[in-house]
Protein backbone atom coordinates (compact mmCIF):
# COMPACT_ATOMS: atom_id res chain seq x y z
CA MET A 1 108.92 145.39 124.85
CA SER A 2 109.04 148.99 123.66
CA ASP A 3 108.76 147.82 120.05
CA THR A 4 105.37 146.15 120.55
CA PRO A 5 103.10 149.22 120.41
CA THR A 6 104.97 150.55 117.38
CA ALA A 7 104.69 147.21 115.58
CA GLY A 8 101.02 146.98 116.48
CA SER A 9 100.35 150.49 115.26
CA ALA A 10 102.14 149.79 111.99
CA ALA A 11 100.10 146.61 111.46
CA SER A 12 96.87 148.45 112.22
CA ALA A 13 97.77 151.27 109.84
CA GLU A 14 98.65 148.90 106.99
CA LEU A 15 95.47 146.91 107.52
CA GLU A 16 93.39 150.09 107.39
CA ARG A 17 95.22 151.04 104.20
CA LEU A 18 94.40 147.66 102.63
CA LEU A 19 90.75 147.95 103.61
CA ALA A 20 90.65 151.44 102.06
CA ILE A 21 92.25 150.18 98.85
CA MET A 22 89.66 147.43 98.53
CA ALA A 23 86.84 149.89 99.18
CA ARG A 24 88.22 152.10 96.41
CA LEU A 25 88.52 149.18 94.00
CA ARG A 26 84.89 148.25 94.65
CA ASP A 27 83.59 151.81 94.44
CA PRO A 28 80.94 151.96 91.67
CA GLN A 29 82.10 155.51 90.96
CA GLY A 30 85.66 155.21 89.65
CA GLY A 31 86.52 151.75 90.95
CA CYS A 32 88.15 148.92 89.00
CA PRO A 33 85.83 147.34 86.39
CA TRP A 34 87.25 143.86 87.00
CA ASP A 35 86.92 144.04 90.78
CA LEU A 36 83.39 145.39 90.47
CA GLN A 37 82.36 142.40 88.34
CA GLN A 38 83.39 139.85 90.95
CA ASP A 39 81.23 138.05 93.48
CA PHE A 40 81.84 135.40 96.15
CA SER A 41 81.71 132.51 93.69
CA THR A 42 84.16 134.06 91.22
CA ILE A 43 86.66 135.00 93.94
CA ALA A 44 86.51 131.64 95.76
CA PRO A 45 88.82 129.84 93.27
CA TYR A 46 91.44 132.58 93.74
CA THR A 47 91.17 132.16 97.51
CA ILE A 48 91.91 128.45 97.22
CA GLU A 49 94.75 129.08 94.77
CA GLU A 50 96.38 131.64 97.05
CA ALA A 51 96.24 129.23 100.00
CA TYR A 52 98.09 126.63 97.94
CA GLU A 53 100.67 129.21 96.89
CA VAL A 54 101.30 129.96 100.56
CA ALA A 55 101.91 126.25 101.14
CA ASP A 56 104.23 126.13 98.12
CA ALA A 57 106.33 129.02 99.43
CA ILE A 58 106.62 127.23 102.78
CA ASP A 59 107.70 124.01 101.05
CA ARG A 60 110.40 125.92 99.18
CA GLY A 61 111.54 127.77 102.31
CA ASP A 62 111.26 131.06 100.41
CA PHE A 63 110.31 133.57 103.10
CA ASP A 64 110.37 136.57 100.77
CA ASP A 65 107.84 134.78 98.60
CA LEU A 66 105.91 133.63 101.69
CA CYS A 67 105.49 137.24 102.79
CA ASP A 68 104.14 138.12 99.35
CA GLU A 69 101.81 135.09 99.19
CA LEU A 70 100.44 135.73 102.68
CA GLY A 71 99.58 139.23 101.50
CA ASP A 72 97.73 137.76 98.51
CA LEU A 73 95.81 135.46 100.86
CA LEU A 74 94.96 138.33 103.20
CA LEU A 75 93.63 140.23 100.19
CA GLN A 76 91.20 137.39 99.57
CA VAL A 77 89.81 137.73 103.11
CA VAL A 78 89.50 141.49 102.68
CA PHE A 79 87.81 141.04 99.29
CA HIS A 80 85.17 138.65 100.64
CA ALA A 81 84.57 140.83 103.69
CA ARG A 82 84.13 143.92 101.52
CA MET A 83 81.55 142.22 99.31
CA ALA A 84 79.69 141.03 102.42
CA GLU A 85 79.74 144.55 103.87
CA GLU A 86 78.30 145.96 100.65
CA GLN A 87 75.28 143.67 100.93
CA GLY A 88 74.88 144.31 104.65
CA SER A 89 75.89 140.84 105.86
CA PHE A 90 79.07 141.52 107.85
CA ALA A 91 82.30 143.52 107.68
CA PHE A 92 86.00 142.79 108.17
CA ALA A 93 85.79 143.75 111.84
CA ASP A 94 83.13 141.07 112.32
CA VAL A 95 85.42 138.49 110.70
CA ALA A 96 88.31 139.45 112.99
CA ARG A 97 86.05 139.51 116.05
CA ALA A 98 84.56 136.10 115.23
CA ILE A 99 87.92 134.36 114.90
CA SER A 100 89.30 136.10 118.01
CA ASP A 101 86.27 134.99 120.02
CA LYS A 102 86.58 131.46 118.64
CA MET A 103 90.29 131.16 119.44
CA GLN A 104 89.75 132.31 123.02
CA ARG A 105 86.74 130.03 123.44
CA ARG A 106 88.57 126.98 122.08
CA HIS A 107 91.72 127.60 124.16
CA PRO A 108 90.32 127.60 127.71
CA HIS A 109 93.61 126.10 128.89
CA VAL A 110 95.24 129.41 127.90
CA PHE A 111 92.50 131.99 128.43
CA ALA A 112 90.55 130.31 131.27
CA ASP A 113 91.17 127.82 134.07
CA VAL A 114 90.96 124.49 132.17
CA ASN A 115 93.95 122.18 132.58
CA VAL A 116 95.29 119.92 129.82
CA GLU A 117 98.32 117.68 129.98
CA ASP A 118 99.57 117.70 126.39
CA ALA A 119 98.76 118.42 122.74
CA ASP A 120 96.48 115.35 122.56
CA GLY A 121 94.52 116.76 125.48
CA VAL A 122 94.22 120.06 123.65
CA MET A 123 92.78 118.29 120.58
CA ARG A 124 90.28 116.29 122.66
CA ASN A 125 89.13 119.46 124.38
CA TRP A 126 88.97 121.29 121.02
CA ASP A 127 86.72 118.57 119.58
CA ALA A 128 84.46 118.65 122.62
CA ILE A 129 84.07 122.43 122.32
CA LYS A 130 83.31 122.16 118.61
CA ARG A 131 80.63 119.55 119.32
CA ALA A 132 79.08 121.83 121.93
CA GLU A 133 79.15 124.72 119.43
CA ARG A 134 77.39 122.63 116.80
CA ALA A 135 74.78 121.49 119.32
CA ALA A 136 74.14 125.10 120.36
CA LYS A 137 73.40 125.87 116.69
CA GLY A 138 70.86 123.04 116.56
CA ASP A 139 73.09 120.51 114.79
CA GLN A 140 71.95 117.09 116.02
CA ASP A 141 74.63 115.08 114.20
CA GLY A 142 76.38 113.19 116.98
CA SER A 143 78.68 111.16 114.75
CA ALA A 144 82.42 111.18 115.37
CA LEU A 145 82.65 112.29 111.73
CA ALA A 146 80.37 115.30 112.21
CA GLY A 147 81.75 118.65 111.11
CA VAL A 148 84.26 117.40 108.54
CA SER A 149 83.70 119.95 105.79
CA ARG A 150 82.52 118.77 102.39
CA GLY A 151 84.24 121.80 100.88
CA LEU A 152 87.72 120.40 101.49
CA PRO A 153 89.80 118.86 98.70
CA GLU A 154 88.81 115.19 98.77
CA TRP A 155 92.30 113.95 99.69
CA GLN A 156 92.29 116.26 102.71
CA ARG A 157 88.76 115.23 103.67
CA ALA A 158 89.84 111.57 103.48
CA VAL A 159 92.62 112.18 105.99
CA LYS A 160 90.30 114.07 108.33
CA LEU A 161 87.62 111.37 108.18
CA GLN A 162 90.23 108.71 108.97
CA ALA A 163 91.66 110.75 111.84
CA ARG A 164 88.20 111.24 113.33
CA ALA A 165 87.48 107.51 113.13
CA ALA A 166 90.86 106.79 114.75
CA ARG A 167 89.95 108.89 117.78
CA VAL A 168 87.26 106.38 118.69
CA GLY A 169 89.58 103.42 118.08
CA PHE A 170 88.64 102.51 114.49
CA ASP A 171 92.10 102.43 112.95
CA TRP A 172 94.85 100.17 111.71
CA PRO A 173 97.44 99.34 114.39
CA GLY A 174 100.28 100.68 112.25
CA PRO A 175 101.47 101.47 108.70
CA LEU A 176 102.39 97.91 107.64
CA PRO A 177 98.79 96.61 107.65
CA VAL A 178 97.84 99.70 105.67
CA LEU A 179 100.51 98.80 103.11
CA ASP A 180 99.01 95.31 102.88
CA LYS A 181 95.59 96.87 102.31
CA ALA A 182 97.05 99.13 99.61
CA ALA A 183 98.49 96.06 97.85
CA GLU A 184 95.06 94.41 98.05
CA GLU A 185 93.33 97.46 96.58
CA LEU A 186 95.97 97.75 93.85
CA GLN A 187 95.37 94.12 92.86
CA GLU A 188 91.61 94.72 92.71
CA LEU A 189 92.22 97.74 90.47
CA ARG A 190 94.52 95.66 88.26
CA GLU A 191 91.81 93.02 87.88
CA GLU A 192 89.34 95.65 86.73
CA PHE A 193 91.80 96.90 84.08
CA GLU A 194 92.49 93.32 82.97
CA ARG A 195 88.81 92.93 82.10
CA GLY A 196 89.72 94.96 79.03
CA ASP A 197 86.60 97.08 78.65
CA VAL A 198 87.98 100.30 80.14
CA ALA A 199 85.41 102.56 78.50
CA GLY A 200 82.49 100.41 79.63
CA ASN A 201 83.89 99.77 83.10
CA LYS A 202 84.40 103.34 84.28
CA ALA A 203 82.16 103.02 87.34
CA ARG A 204 84.06 100.03 88.77
CA LEU A 205 87.42 101.54 87.88
CA GLN A 206 86.46 104.76 89.62
CA GLU A 207 85.37 102.88 92.72
CA GLU A 208 88.51 100.76 92.92
CA LEU A 209 90.79 103.72 92.22
CA GLY A 210 88.98 105.67 94.93
CA ASP A 211 89.57 102.81 97.39
CA LEU A 212 93.27 102.79 96.55
CA LEU A 213 93.63 106.54 96.95
CA PHE A 214 91.73 106.42 100.25
CA VAL A 215 94.17 103.81 101.58
CA CYS A 216 97.12 105.92 100.37
CA ALA A 217 95.71 108.85 102.34
CA ASN A 218 95.52 106.59 105.38
CA LEU A 219 99.11 105.50 104.84
CA ALA A 220 100.25 109.14 104.78
CA ARG A 221 98.37 109.75 108.04
CA HIS A 222 100.04 106.77 109.72
CA ALA A 223 103.43 108.03 108.56
CA ASP A 224 102.57 111.52 109.86
CA ILE A 225 103.21 112.89 106.37
CA ASP A 226 101.22 115.76 104.91
CA LEU A 227 99.64 114.18 101.86
CA GLY A 228 99.34 117.53 100.09
CA ALA A 229 103.02 118.28 100.70
CA ALA A 230 103.97 114.81 99.47
CA LEU A 231 102.00 115.28 96.26
CA ARG A 232 103.38 118.79 95.76
CA GLY A 233 106.87 117.34 96.14
CA ALA A 234 106.11 114.67 93.54
CA ASN A 235 104.74 117.33 91.18
CA HIS A 236 107.84 119.49 91.64
CA LYS A 237 110.09 116.50 91.00
CA PHE A 238 108.21 115.52 87.84
CA GLU A 239 108.28 119.09 86.52
CA ARG A 240 111.99 119.46 87.29
CA ARG A 241 112.91 116.22 85.54
CA PHE A 242 110.62 116.83 82.58
CA ARG A 243 112.14 120.27 82.02
CA ALA A 244 115.58 118.66 82.20
CA MET A 245 114.46 116.20 79.50
CA GLU A 246 113.38 119.10 77.28
CA ALA A 247 116.72 120.82 77.83
CA GLN A 248 118.64 117.64 76.99
CA ALA A 249 116.62 117.13 73.81
CA GLU A 250 117.23 120.73 72.77
CA ALA A 251 120.97 120.34 73.43
CA GLN A 252 120.92 117.38 71.04
CA GLY A 253 119.18 119.45 68.40
CA GLU A 254 115.91 117.58 68.94
CA VAL A 255 112.41 118.43 70.04
CA LEU A 256 111.11 116.23 72.85
CA ALA A 257 107.75 115.71 71.13
CA GLY A 258 109.59 114.37 68.08
CA LEU A 259 111.30 111.55 69.98
CA ASP A 260 109.77 108.12 70.45
CA LEU A 261 108.93 106.83 73.91
CA ASP A 262 112.16 104.83 74.27
CA ALA A 263 114.25 107.91 73.52
CA GLN A 264 112.19 110.00 75.93
CA GLU A 265 112.57 107.34 78.63
CA ALA A 266 116.35 107.43 78.14
CA LEU A 267 116.31 111.20 78.71
CA TRP A 268 114.15 110.71 81.82
CA GLN A 269 116.59 108.20 83.27
CA ARG A 270 119.47 110.56 82.49
CA ALA A 271 117.65 113.38 84.31
CA LYS A 272 117.08 111.12 87.33
CA ALA A 273 120.74 110.06 87.37
CA ALA A 274 121.87 113.68 87.16
CA GLU A 275 119.79 114.57 90.22
CA LYS A 276 121.10 111.66 92.25
CA SER A 277 124.70 112.46 91.39
């Protein structure tokens, strides 16, 4: 227990240091030219990128890297807060206060006298509080889908929309019917490709591909698999095997781009076999 005040003081001191660094970087007199040129829209892509890099460090179990990436993400929050403070909108303290207030308000089973039985009860209560918050702001959207942000990556928004619908009973009874639906959507997509006019059929192809991806998102939800993590894993696997192909080609005195598709496929299969062994 004696370590808590010291740890808290250290955290407070380092946060104040970071806020001071950002203020210096944004100082029109002697600040950093690059930082001074930025605004909310130019920094937003970096914010998203840093969040994904946090997730990547977690996937890899690299806690040294996770510490570094969390710092990069915190910098994004500080950057946005500093720009808002400069225009008189809000400051970092307001950001911290708002999230602290929100967390206490949405956890009445911890900070007040509300009783919940389990995690599902927590989520139901959380949703009810969010609906009340939206209503207090004048939002009249009473749909079960209300509040699902349009700023999310579309695959993530798909999962959230499906989860919201499931809470009112609109859901498949299990993963196997979802697999059947995926097979149906895949066949419909195949039929569109078989029409032959790919260039002139983009609208239908886009619609059918979207349906298939939406069902895949639903399948991940039913399997309780993070779709983003699954796709990151597939990307890592592809990159790992492709780099192995390049290394094999180089060891043979070849350049991968100079090999025909059959030769490249042979290297791919060799890379797969090497991983499995």
